[in-house]
C-alpha atoms as a PDB file:
ATOM      1  CA  MET A   1      13.502  39.026 -20.950  1.00  0.00           C
ATOM      2  CA  ASN A   2      11.895  35.867 -19.453  1.00  0.00           C
ATOM      3  CA  HIS A   3       9.667  33.403 -21.071  1.00  0.00           C
ATOM      4  CA  ASP A   4       6.404  34.966 -19.796  1.00  0.00           C
ATOM      5  CA  ASP A   5       7.306  38.609 -20.687  1.00  0.00           C
ATOM      6  CA  ALA A   6       8.077  37.355 -24.172  1.00  0.00           C
ATOM      7  CA  SER A   7       4.758  35.453 -24.461  1.00  0.00           C
ATOM      8  CA  LYS A   8       2.751  38.447 -23.221  1.00  0.00           C
ATOM      9  CA  GLU A   9       4.411  40.803 -25.676  1.00  0.00           C
ATOM     10  CA  ALA A  10       3.687  38.187 -28.503  1.00  0.00           C
ATOM     11  CA  GLY A  11      -0.215  38.451 -27.400  1.00  0.00           C
ATOM     12  CA  ARG A  12      -0.628  34.838 -26.291  1.00  0.00           C
ATOM     13  CA  ASP A  13      -3.762  34.158 -24.390  1.00  0.00           C
ATOM     14  CA  ARG A  14      -2.175  31.807 -21.936  1.00  0.00           C
ATOM     15  CA  SER A  15       1.403  30.669 -20.645  1.00  0.00           C
ATOM     16  CA  PHE A  16       2.825  28.215 -18.130  1.00  0.00           C
ATOM     17  CA  THR A  17       6.372  28.420 -17.244  1.00  0.00           C
ATOM     18  CA  PHE A  18       8.311  26.253 -14.643  1.00  0.00           C
ATOM     19  CA  LEU A  19      10.958  28.238 -12.820  1.00  0.00           C
ATOM     20  CA  THR A  20      14.451  26.708 -12.636  1.00  0.00           C
ATOM     21  CA  ALA A  21      17.748  27.259 -11.056  1.00  0.00           C
ATOM     22  CA  PRO A  22      18.987  29.831 -10.157  1.00  0.00           C
ATOM     23  CA  ASP A  23      15.462  31.316  -9.562  1.00  0.00           C
ATOM     24  CA  PHE A  24      14.200  28.149  -7.900  1.00  0.00           C
ATOM     25  CA  VAL A  25      16.216  25.316  -6.557  1.00  0.00           C
ATOM     26  CA  PRO A  26      14.106  22.231  -5.499  1.00  0.00           C
ATOM     27  CA  ASP A  27      14.414  20.536  -2.373  1.00  0.00           C
ATOM     28  CA  GLU A  28      13.204  17.194  -0.870  1.00  0.00           C
ATOM     29  CA  CYS A  29       9.791  18.763  -0.074  1.00  0.00           C
ATOM     30  CA  ILE A  30       9.214  21.144  -2.900  1.00  0.00           C
ATOM     31  CA  ARG A  31       9.869  19.759  -6.045  1.00  0.00           C
ATOM     32  CA  SER A  32       8.855  22.581  -8.551  1.00  0.00           C
ATOM     33  CA  ALA A  33       7.808  26.144  -8.967  1.00  0.00           C
ATOM     34  CA  TYR A  34       5.730  27.622 -11.595  1.00  0.00           C
ATOM     35  CA  HIS A  35       3.960  30.755 -12.898  1.00  0.00           C
ATOM     36  CA  SER A  36       1.083  30.863 -15.525  1.00  0.00           C
ATOM     37  CA  TYR A  37      -1.382  33.423 -16.624  1.00  0.00           C
ATOM     38  CA  ILE A  38      -4.551  33.469 -18.791  1.00  0.00           C
ATOM     39  CA  ARG A  39      -6.125  36.377 -20.570  1.00  0.00           C
ATOM     40  CA  GLU A  40      -9.332  34.386 -21.763  1.00  0.00           C
ATOM     41  CA  ALA A  41     -12.630  34.798 -19.804  1.00  0.00           C
ATOM     42  CA  PHE A  42     -12.855  30.939 -19.407  1.00  0.00           C
ATOM     43  CA  VAL A  43     -10.605  28.051 -19.768  1.00  0.00           C
ATOM     44  CA  SER A  44     -11.380  24.342 -19.665  1.00  0.00           C
ATOM     45  CA  ASP A  45      -8.453  21.891 -19.869  1.00  0.00           C
ATOM     46  CA  THR A  46      -7.301  18.496 -18.878  1.00  0.00           C
ATOM     47  CA  MET A  47      -4.917  18.039 -15.734  1.00  0.00           C
ATOM     48  CA  PRO A  48      -3.185  14.623 -15.266  1.00  0.00           C
ATOM     49  CA  ALA A  49      -2.992  12.832 -11.936  1.00  0.00           C
ATOM     50  CA  VAL A  50      -0.001  14.944  -9.970  1.00  0.00           C
ATOM     51  CA  GLY A  51       1.569  15.397  -6.708  1.00  0.00           C
ATOM     52  CA  GLY A  52       0.168  17.927  -4.101  1.00  0.00           C
ATOM     53  CA  GLN A  53       0.395  21.583  -5.051  1.00  0.00           C
ATOM     54  CA  PHE A  54       0.462  24.978  -3.115  1.00  0.00           C
ATOM     55  CA  CYS A  55      -1.296  27.513  -5.259  1.00  0.00           C
ATOM     56  CA  LEU A  56      -2.147  31.247  -5.158  1.00  0.00           C
ATOM     57  CA  ARG A  57      -4.443  32.704  -7.890  1.00  0.00           C
ATOM     58  CA  THR A  58      -4.665  36.606  -8.427  1.00  0.00           C
ATOM     59  CA  SER A  59      -8.269  36.161  -9.741  1.00  0.00           C
ATOM     60  CA  GLY A  60     -10.527  33.353 -11.042  1.00  0.00           C
ATOM     61  CA  GLU A  61     -11.812  30.543  -9.243  1.00  0.00           C
ATOM     62  CA  PRO A  62     -10.454  27.136 -10.320  1.00  0.00           C
ATOM     63  CA  THR A  63     -12.633  24.122 -10.151  1.00  0.00           C
ATOM     64  CA  LEU A  64     -11.577  20.470 -10.862  1.00  0.00           C
ATOM     65  CA  HIS A  65     -14.006  17.948 -12.106  1.00  0.00           C
ATOM     66  CA  TYR A  66     -13.080  14.287 -11.804  1.00  0.00           C
ATOM     67  CA  PRO A  67     -14.312  11.204 -13.746  1.00  0.00           C
ATOM     68  CA  ASP A  68     -16.206   9.842 -10.928  1.00  0.00           C
ATOM     69  CA  GLY A  69     -18.504  12.883 -10.799  1.00  0.00           C
ATOM     70  CA  THR A  70     -16.941  14.885  -7.869  1.00  0.00           C
ATOM     71  CA  THR A  71     -15.683  18.433  -8.098  1.00  0.00           C
ATOM     72  CA  SER A  72     -13.613  20.586  -5.791  1.00  0.00           C
ATOM     73  CA  GLY A  73     -12.900  24.327  -6.083  1.00  0.00           C
ATOM     74  CA  ALA A  74     -11.073  27.256  -4.449  1.00  0.00           C
ATOM     75  CA  LYS A  75     -11.509  31.000  -4.081  1.00  0.00           C
ATOM     76  CA  ALA A  76      -9.523  33.676  -5.855  1.00  0.00           C
ATOM     77  CA  ARG A  77      -6.927  35.575  -4.073  1.00  0.00           C
ATOM     78  CA  GLU A  78      -6.359  32.944  -1.344  1.00  0.00           C
ATOM     79  CA  CYS A  79      -3.578  30.406  -1.083  1.00  0.00           C
ATOM     80  CA  TYR A  80      -4.993  26.700  -1.384  1.00  0.00           C
ATOM     81  CA  PHE A  81      -3.654  23.310  -1.690  1.00  0.00           C
ATOM     82  CA  ILE A  82      -4.523  20.842  -4.440  1.00  0.00           C
ATOM     83  CA  ALA A  83      -4.307  17.431  -2.638  1.00  0.00           C
ATOM     84  CA  PRO A  84      -2.371  14.812  -4.491  1.00  0.00           C
ATOM     85  CA  THR A  85      -4.553  13.433  -7.260  1.00  0.00           C
ATOM     86  CA  THR A  86      -4.745   9.717  -8.235  1.00  0.00           C
ATOM     87  CA  MET A  87      -6.873  10.356 -11.375  1.00  0.00           C
ATOM     88  CA  PRO A  88      -7.038  13.141 -14.150  1.00  0.00           C
ATOM     89  CA  SER A  89      -9.375  16.014 -13.889  1.00  0.00           C
ATOM     90  CA  GLU A  90     -10.913  18.694 -16.002  1.00  0.00           C
ATOM     91  CA  VAL A  91      -9.884  22.242 -14.973  1.00  0.00           C
ATOM     92  CA  HIS A  92     -12.567  25.078 -15.358  1.00  0.00           C
ATOM     93  CA  LEU A  93     -11.156  28.391 -14.746  1.00  0.00           C
ATOM     94  CA  SER A  94     -12.404  32.035 -15.051  1.00  0.00           C
ATOM     95  CA  GLY A  95      -9.960  34.696 -16.077  1.00  0.00           C
ATOM     96  CA  PRO A  96      -8.018  36.636 -16.737  1.00  0.00           C
ATOM     97  CA  GLY A  97      -5.539  35.928 -13.973  1.00  0.00           C
ATOM     98  CA  GLU A  98      -2.248  34.690 -12.831  1.00  0.00           C
ATOM     99  CA  LEU A  99      -1.338  31.470 -11.119  1.00  0.00           C
ATOM    100  CA  TYR A 100       1.658  30.879  -8.668  1.00  0.00           C
ATOM    101  CA  GLY A 101       2.381  27.487  -7.596  1.00  0.00           C
ATOM    102  CA  LEU A 102       4.738  24.837  -5.924  1.00  0.00           C
ATOM    103  CA  GLY A 103       4.725  21.239  -6.621  1.00  0.00           C
ATOM    104  CA  LEU A 104       5.248  19.168  -3.487  1.00  0.00           C
ATOM    105  CA  SER A 105       6.888  15.607  -3.109  1.00  0.00           C
ATOM    106  CA  GLU A 106       5.019  13.062  -1.115  1.00  0.00           C
ATOM    107  CA  LEU A 107       7.452  13.834   1.770  1.00  0.00           C
ATOM    108  CA  GLY A 108       6.594  17.520   1.527  1.00  0.00           C
ATOM    109  CA  TRP A 109       2.926  16.779   1.429  1.00  0.00           C
ATOM    110  CA  ALA A 110       3.068  14.877   4.666  1.00  0.00           C
ATOM    111  CA  GLU A 111       5.563  17.379   6.487  1.00  0.00           C
ATOM    112  CA  LEU A 112       4.197  20.697   5.283  1.00  0.00           C
ATOM    113  CA  THR A 113       0.367  19.952   5.618  1.00  0.00           C
ATOM    114  CA  GLY A 114       0.213  16.850   8.102  1.00  0.00           C
ATOM    115  CA  LEU A 115      -2.823  15.720   6.158  1.00  0.00           C
ATOM    116  CA  ARG A 116      -3.195  11.934   5.175  1.00  0.00           C
ATOM    117  CA  VAL A 117      -3.349  11.538   1.274  1.00  0.00           C
ATOM    118  CA  ASP A 118      -5.941   8.717   1.413  1.00  0.00           C
ATOM    119  CA  ALA A 119      -8.318  11.096   3.436  1.00  0.00           C
ATOM    120  CA  VAL A 120      -7.998  14.028   1.115  1.00  0.00           C
ATOM    121  CA  LYS A 121      -6.782  13.050  -2.308  1.00  0.00           C
ATOM    122  CA  ASN A 122      -8.486  14.671  -5.326  1.00  0.00           C
ATOM    123  CA  THR A 123      -9.777  17.744  -3.423  1.00  0.00           C
ATOM    124  CA  ILE A 124      -8.855  21.291  -3.151  1.00  0.00           C
ATOM    125  CA  ILE A 125      -8.089  22.662   0.430  1.00  0.00           C
ATOM    126  CA  PRO A 126      -7.944  26.213   1.550  1.00  0.00           C
ATOM    127  CA  ALA A 127      -4.597  26.842   3.278  1.00  0.00           C
ATOM    128  CA  ALA A 128      -6.495  28.714   5.791  1.00  0.00           C
ATOM    129  CA  GLN A 129      -8.021  25.375   6.875  1.00  0.00           C
ATOM    130  CA  ILE A 130      -4.556  24.202   7.979  1.00  0.00           C
ATOM    131  CA  PHE A 131      -2.587  27.345   8.840  1.00  0.00           C
ATOM    132  CA  GLY A 132      -5.395  29.718   9.966  1.00  0.00           C
ATOM    133  CA  ALA A 133      -5.046  33.332   9.665  1.00  0.00           C
ATOM    134  CA  ASP A 134      -1.434  33.206   8.697  1.00  0.00           C
ATOM    135  CA  ALA A 135      -2.578  32.059   5.301  1.00  0.00           C
ATOM    136  CA  ALA A 136      -4.845  34.765   4.698  1.00  0.00           C
ATOM    137  CA  GLU A 137      -2.438  37.346   5.810  1.00  0.00           C
ATOM    138  CA  PHE A 138       0.385  35.962   3.680  1.00  0.00           C
ATOM    139  CA  SER A 139      -1.910  35.974   0.539  1.00  0.00           C
ATOM    140  CA  GLU A 140      -2.938  39.607   1.195  1.00  0.00           C
ATOM    141  CA  VAL A 141       0.774  40.728   1.604  1.00  0.00           C
ATOM    142  CA  ILE A 142       1.920  38.806  -1.626  1.00  0.00           C
ATOM    143  CA  LEU A 143      -1.113  40.250  -3.781  1.00  0.00           C
ATOM    144  CA  ARG A 144      -0.512  43.739  -2.407  1.00  0.00           C
ATOM    145  CA  ASP A 145       3.207  43.592  -3.306  1.00  0.00           C
ATOM    146  CA  LEU A 146       2.440  42.132  -6.757  1.00  0.00           C
ATOM    147  CA  GLN A 147      -0.035  44.807  -7.633  1.00  0.00           C
ATOM    148  CA  ALA A 148       2.563  47.506  -6.658  1.00  0.00           C
ATOM    149  CA  GLY A 149       4.874  45.852  -9.132  1.00  0.00           C
ATOM    150  CA  ALA A 150       7.358  44.916  -6.208  1.00  0.00           C
ATOM    151  CA  LEU A 151       7.566  41.311  -6.845  1.00  0.00           C
ATOM    152  CA  THR A 152       8.609  38.744  -9.688  1.00  0.00           C
ATOM    153  CA  PRO A 153       7.327  35.282 -10.082  1.00  0.00           C
ATOM    154  CA  ALA A 154      10.756  33.993  -8.835  1.00  0.00           C
ATOM    155  CA  GLN A 155      10.396  36.065  -5.725  1.00  0.00           C
ATOM    156  CA  ILE A 156       6.673  35.106  -5.016  1.00  0.00           C
ATOM    157  CA  ALA A 157       7.884  31.449  -5.363  1.00  0.00           C
ATOM    158  CA  ALA A 158      10.662  31.848  -3.040  1.00  0.00           C
ATOM    159  CA  ALA A 159       8.169  33.569  -0.326  1.00  0.00           C
ATOM    160  CA  MET A 160       5.788  30.761  -0.698  1.00  0.00           C
ATOM    161  CA  GLN A 161       8.521  28.170  -0.241  1.00  0.00           C
ATOM    162  CA  GLU A 162       9.766  29.917   2.961  1.00  0.00           C
ATOM    163  CA  PHE A 163       6.077  30.149   4.184  1.00  0.00           C
ATOM    164  CA  LEU A 164       5.971  26.473   3.913  1.00  0.00           C
ATOM    165  CA  ARG A 165       9.448  25.761   5.290  1.00  0.00           C
ATOM    166  CA  ALA A 166       8.602  27.622   8.459  1.00  0.00           C
ATOM    167  CA  ARG A 167       5.526  25.339   9.182  1.00  0.00           C
ATOM    168  CA  ARG A 168       7.353  22.051   8.383  1.00  0.00           C
ATOM    169  CA  LYS A 169       6.902  19.229  10.833  1.00  0.00           C
ATOM    170  CA  PRO A 170       9.395  16.634  10.122  1.00  0.00           C
ATOM    171  CA  LEU A 171       8.283  12.860  10.155  1.00  0.00           C
ATOM    172  CA  ASP A 172       9.999  10.388  12.158  1.00  0.00           C
ATOM    173  CA  ASP A 173      12.805   8.281  10.364  1.00  0.00           C
ATOM    174  CA  LYS A 174      10.768   5.128   9.747  1.00  0.00           C
ATOM    175  CA  ARG A 175       7.907   7.131   8.106  1.00  0.00           C
ATOM    176  CA  LYS A 176      10.261   9.360   6.151  1.00  0.00           C
ATOM    177  CA  LYS A 177      12.129   6.166   4.895  1.00  0.00           C
ATOM    178  CA  VAL A 178       8.955   4.378   3.672  1.00  0.00           C
ATOM    179  CA  ILE A 179       8.049   7.491   1.599  1.00  0.00           C
ATOM    180  CA  GLN A 180      11.566   7.641   0.055  1.00  0.00           C
ATOM    181  CA  VAL A 181      12.134   4.148  -0.605  1.00  0.00           C
ATOM    182  CA  THR A 182       8.460   3.698  -2.179  1.00  0.00           C
ATOM    183  CA  ARG A 183       9.227   6.691  -4.407  1.00  0.00           C
ATOM    184  CA  ALA A 184      12.475   5.264  -5.502  1.00  0.00           C
ATOM    185  CA  TRP A 185      11.127   1.809  -5.912  1.00  0.00           C
ATOM    186  CA  ALA A 186       8.287   3.053  -8.153  1.00  0.00           C
ATOM    187  CA  THR A 187      10.566   4.978 -10.447  1.00  0.00           C
ATOM    188  CA  ASP A 188      13.900   3.236 -10.685  1.00  0.00           C
ATOM    189  CA  THR A 189      12.565   0.639 -13.148  1.00  0.00           C
ATOM    190  CA  MET A 190       9.648   0.367 -15.477  1.00  0.00           C
ATOM    191  CA  GLN A 191       8.491  -2.868 -13.956  1.00  0.00           C
ATOM    192  CA  PRO A 192       9.207  -2.805 -10.423  1.00  0.00           C
ATOM    193  CA  ASP A 193       8.612  -6.111  -8.204  1.00  0.00           C
ATOM    194  CA  VAL A 194       6.472  -5.287  -5.103  1.00  0.00           C
ATOM    195  CA  GLN A 195       8.258  -7.965  -3.177  1.00  0.00           C
ATOM    196  CA  GLU A 196      11.565  -5.877  -3.604  1.00  0.00           C
ATOM    197  CA  LEU A 197       9.758  -2.899  -1.761  1.00  0.00           C
ATOM    198  CA  TYR A 198       8.734  -5.240   1.078  1.00  0.00           C
ATOM    199  CA  ASP A 199      12.087  -6.626   1.436  1.00  0.00           C
ATOM    200  CA  ALA A 200      13.813  -3.256   1.401  1.00  0.00           C
ATOM    201  CA  LEU A 201      11.936  -1.968   4.358  1.00  0.00           C
ATOM    202  CA  PRO A 202      12.372  -3.056   8.057  1.00  0.00           C
ATOM    203  CA  VAL A 203       8.497  -3.213   8.840  1.00  0.00           C
ATOM    204  CA  SER A 204       5.900  -5.591   8.070  1.00  0.00           C
ATOM    205  CA  THR A 205       4.165  -6.049   4.856  1.00  0.00           C
ATOM    206  CA  ARG A 206       0.829  -4.870   6.256  1.00  0.00           C
ATOM    207  CA  GLN A 207       2.572  -1.824   7.699  1.00  0.00           C
ATOM    208  CA  ILE A 208       4.071  -0.883   4.452  1.00  0.00           C
ATOM    209  CA  GLN A 209       0.654  -1.224   2.494  1.00  0.00           C
ATOM    210  CA  ARG A 210      -0.881   0.909   5.322  1.00  0.00           C
ATOM    211  CA  LEU A 211       1.769   3.596   5.211  1.00  0.00           C
ATOM    212  CA  VAL A 212       1.816   3.849   1.388  1.00  0.00           C
ATOM    213  CA  GLN A 213      -1.948   4.276   1.255  1.00  0.00           C
ATOM    214  CA  GLN A 214      -1.526   7.147   3.970  1.00  0.00           C
ATOM    215  CA  TYR A 215       1.276   8.900   2.071  1.00  0.00           C
ATOM    216  CA  PHE A 216       0.459   8.160  -1.571  1.00  0.00           C
ATOM    217  CA  GLY A 217      -3.274   7.464  -1.523  1.00  0.00           C
ATOM    218  CA  GLN A 218      -2.960   4.178  -3.277  1.00  0.00           C
ATOM    219  CA  SER A 219      -1.486   0.707  -2.913  1.00  0.00           C
ATOM    220  CA  PRO A 220       2.269   0.135  -3.918  1.00  0.00           C
ATOM    221  CA  VAL A 221       1.237  -1.502  -7.205  1.00  0.00           C
ATOM    222  CA  GLN A 222      -1.073   1.329  -8.082  1.00  0.00           C
ATOM    223  CA  VAL A 223       1.485   3.867  -7.322  1.00  0.00           C
ATOM    224  CA  ALA A 224       4.109   2.244  -9.533  1.00  0.00           C
ATOM    225  CA  LYS A 225       1.524   1.873 -12.415  1.00  0.00           C
ATOM    226  CA  ARG A 226       0.534   5.643 -12.137  1.00  0.00           C
ATOM    227  CA  MET A 227       4.136   6.770 -12.054  1.00  0.00           C
ATOM    228  CA  ARG A 228       5.036   4.443 -15.066  1.00  0.00           C
ATOM    229  CA  ALA A 229       2.024   5.932 -16.972  1.00  0.00           C
ATOM    230  CA  ALA A 230       2.960   9.649 -16.190  1.00  0.00           C
ATOM    231  CA  PHE A 231       6.404   8.888 -17.488  1.00  0.00           C
ATOM    232  CA  THR A 232       5.300   7.336 -20.580  1.00  0.00           C
ATOM    233  CA  ALA A 233       2.862  10.236 -21.296  1.00  0.00           C
ATOM    234  CA  SER A 234       5.765  12.799 -20.648  1.00  0.00           C
ATOM    235  CA  VAL A 235       7.886  10.969 -23.412  1.00  0.00           C
ATOM    236  CA  MET A 236       4.994  11.035 -25.688  1.00  0.00           C
ATOM    237  CA  SER A 237       4.200  14.579 -25.186  1.00  0.00           C
ATOM    238  CA  HIS A 238       7.765  15.870 -25.886  1.00  0.00           C
ATOM    239  CA  ASP A 239      10.688  15.156 -28.098  1.00  0.00           C
ATOM    240  CA  SER A 240      11.392  11.403 -28.650  1.00  0.00           C
ATOM    241  CA  VAL A 241      13.978   9.731 -26.319  1.00  0.00           C
ATOM    242  CA  THR A 242      16.605   6.945 -27.040  1.00  0.00           C
ATOM    243  CA  PRO A 243      15.560   3.879 -28.868  1.00  0.00           C
ATOM    244  CA  GLU A 244      16.481   1.965 -25.547  1.00  0.00           C
ATOM    245  CA  THR A 245      14.077   4.010 -23.401  1.00  0.00           C
ATOM    246  CA  ASP A 246      11.289   3.448 -26.108  1.00  0.00           C
ATOM    247  CA  ALA A 247      12.069  -0.156 -26.016  1.00  0.00           C
ATOM    248  CA  GLU A 248      11.910  -0.050 -22.229  1.00  0.00           C
ATOM    249  CA  ILE A 249       8.492   1.441 -22.271  1.00  0.00           C
ATOM    250  CA  GLY A 250       7.133  -0.945 -24.661  1.00  0.00           C
ATOM    251  CA  GLU A 251       8.518  -3.947 -22.716  1.00  0.00           C
ATOM    252  CA  SER A 252       6.668  -2.762 -19.491  1.00  0.00           C
ATOM    253  CA  TYR A 253       3.288  -3.064 -21.081  1.00  0.00           C
ATOM    254  CA  THR A 254       1.650  -6.199 -22.141  1.00  0.00           C
ATOM    255  CA  ASP A 255       0.428  -4.767 -25.402  1.00  0.00           C
ATOM    256  CA  GLN A 256      -0.656  -1.392 -27.135  1.00  0.00           C
ATOM    257  CA  SER A 257      -4.028  -1.639 -25.419  1.00  0.00           C
ATOM    258  CA  HIS A 258      -2.575  -1.908 -22.051  1.00  0.00           C
ATOM    259  CA  LEU A 259      -0.411   1.089 -22.617  1.00  0.00           C
ATOM    260  CA  ILE A 260      -3.200   3.318 -24.077  1.00  0.00           C
ATOM    261  CA  ARG A 261      -5.584   2.259 -21.075  1.00  0.00           C
ATOM    262  CA  ASP A 262      -2.902   3.089 -18.364  1.00  0.00           C
ATOM    263  CA  VAL A 263      -1.911   6.455 -19.889  1.00  0.00           C
ATOM    264  CA  LYS A 264      -5.636   7.532 -20.421  1.00  0.00           C
ATOM    265  CA  PHE A 265      -6.620   6.618 -16.834  1.00  0.00           C
ATOM    266  CA  THR A 266      -3.564   8.783 -15.609  1.00  0.00           C
ATOM    267  CA  THR A 267      -3.752  11.698 -17.942  1.00  0.00           C
ATOM    268  CA  GLY A 268      -7.242  11.899 -19.119  1.00  0.00           C
ATOM    269  CA  ARG A 269      -6.171  11.506 -22.713  1.00  0.00           C
ATOM    270  CA  THR A 270      -5.073   8.621 -25.088  1.00  0.00           C
ATOM    271  CA  PRO A 271      -1.579   8.782 -26.374  1.00  0.00           C
ATOM    272  CA  SER A 272      -2.707   9.915 -29.818  1.00  0.00           C
ATOM    273  CA  LYS A 273      -4.260  13.131 -28.160  1.00  0.00           C
ATOM    274  CA  ILE A 274      -1.258  14.026 -26.115  1.00  0.00           C
ATOM    275  CA  GLY A 275       0.219  16.595 -28.564  1.00  0.00           C
ATOM    276  CA  LYS A 276       3.671  17.390 -28.756  1.00  0.00           C
ATOM    277  CA  LYS A 277       4.626  21.065 -27.959  1.00  0.00           C
ATOM    278  CA  SER A 278       0.778  21.623 -27.839  1.00  0.00           C
ATOM    279  CA  ASN A 279      -0.324  24.720 -25.909  1.00  0.00           C
ATOM    280  CA  SER A 280      -2.266  22.661 -23.275  1.00  0.00           C
ATOM    281  CA  LEU A 281      -1.984  22.344 -19.536  1.00  0.00           C
ATOM    282  CA  LEU A 282      -1.557  18.641 -19.959  1.00  0.00           C
ATOM    283  CA  SER A 283       1.667  19.126 -21.964  1.00  0.00           C
ATOM    284  CA  ASP A 284       2.940  21.875 -19.719  1.00  0.00           C
ATOM    285  CA  ILE A 285       2.696  19.726 -16.607  1.00  0.00           C
ATOM    286  CA  LEU A 286       4.367  16.659 -18.275  1.00  0.00           C
ATOM    287  CA  ASN A 287       7.457  18.826 -19.042  1.00  0.00           C
ATOM    288  CA  PRO A 288      10.708  17.522 -17.532  1.00  0.00           C
ATOM    289  CA  ALA A 289      11.288  20.843 -16.447  1.00  0.00           C
ATOM    290  CA  GLY A 290       8.847  20.421 -13.772  1.00  0.00           C
ATOM    291  CA  PHE A 291      10.942  17.809 -11.672  1.00  0.00           C
ATOM    292  CA  LEU A 292       7.784  15.603 -11.763  1.00  0.00           C
ATOM    293  CA  HIS A 293       9.952  12.548 -12.047  1.00  0.00           C
ATOM    294  CA  ASP A 294      12.666  11.018 -10.111  1.00  0.00           C
ATOM    295  CA  SER A 295      16.202  10.410 -11.080  1.00  0.00           C
ATOM    296  CA  ALA A 296      15.857   7.351 -12.984  1.00  0.00           C
ATOM    297  CA  HIS A 297      13.064   8.625 -14.937  1.00  0.00           C
ATOM    298  CA  THR A 298      14.264  12.170 -15.339  1.00  0.00           C
ATOM    299  CA  LYS A 299      17.585  10.968 -16.997  1.00  0.00           C
ATOM    300  CA  LYS A 300      15.656   9.397 -19.824  1.00  0.00           C
ATOM    301  CA  LEU A 301      13.609  12.476 -20.711  1.00  0.00           C
ATOM    302  CA  PRO A 302      14.822  15.190 -23.075  1.00  0.00           C
ATOM    303  CA  GLY A 303      17.220  17.539 -21.357  1.00  0.00           C
ATOM    304  CA  GLY A 304      16.550  15.707 -18.171  1.00  0.00           C
ATOM    305  CA  LYS A 305      18.971  15.674 -15.140  1.00  0.00           C
ATOM    306  CA  SER A 306      19.200  13.470 -12.209  1.00  0.00           C
ATOM    307  CA  ALA A 307      18.106  14.982  -8.910  1.00  0.00           C
ATOM    308  CA  SER A 308      21.666  15.386  -7.872  1.00  0.00           C
ATOM    309  CA  GLU A 309      22.260  17.496 -10.799  1.00  0.00           C
ATOM    310  CA  THR A 310      19.303  19.654 -10.246  1.00  0.00           C
ATOM    311  CA  GLY A 311      20.002  20.182  -6.574  1.00  0.00           C
ATOM    312  CA  ASP A 312      17.024  18.148  -5.459  1.00  0.00           C
END
């Protein structure tokens, strides 16, 4: 019996489960796969800043409400992308219904959608806007087979992964390297030096800044700050880690107020309100099982493994 079946039998109103190997094996473009359901008529919850997502809902129209007053929504029963977000949002969702989703890396977003993050960040985009009628046909087939009981969550995730892979348009080596090096630079240490990023890439500082804005939606310093805060929140949301990691986090912030401010700006909640093992979307997304952190961060999280150990 899988986690969701057990949850439904227990009568829970909602569930969120990351799929892990052997059911799902991440790659350099698609970092995570997940399945969730809600039985409630309406749900309001907090979602932290996250990377791009490819989603399909069986029913219920999701709407994201951002601190700056903007909103973005999607229709039920159609595939859609949540563009990379650089701030938290309040998710409003009508139910009951199920969600199937894939979490994309920055490289994945670039090669699978072709969209500039700095132009579309913090929005929801219908997949049909990118892939045309193919997206609508794919949704119809998946939902029909799901209703007939012919598909499991893992099989749906695999189908979504193959749908995207078939439409991948690889970047040139220079742009790909900028994305990969920037991600590694922002996560290898808790206090990365931006000059080290500039020195690591064979292009001008101005080009690096422009490309990081294009593929991450923020400046290099802002990217590192957001990823550090997400990692810190993940540690706080789950079981404690080693004293060494706790000390490293503490040393990376000037004081407690600095830590609280950054975590709230990235997750929408202060550290004291990020409950451990709570039944919340925020806690679920910050779970290490979601492959939301890179090798250096993941190894420090409870049960975390490096990318090479997970197959990423």
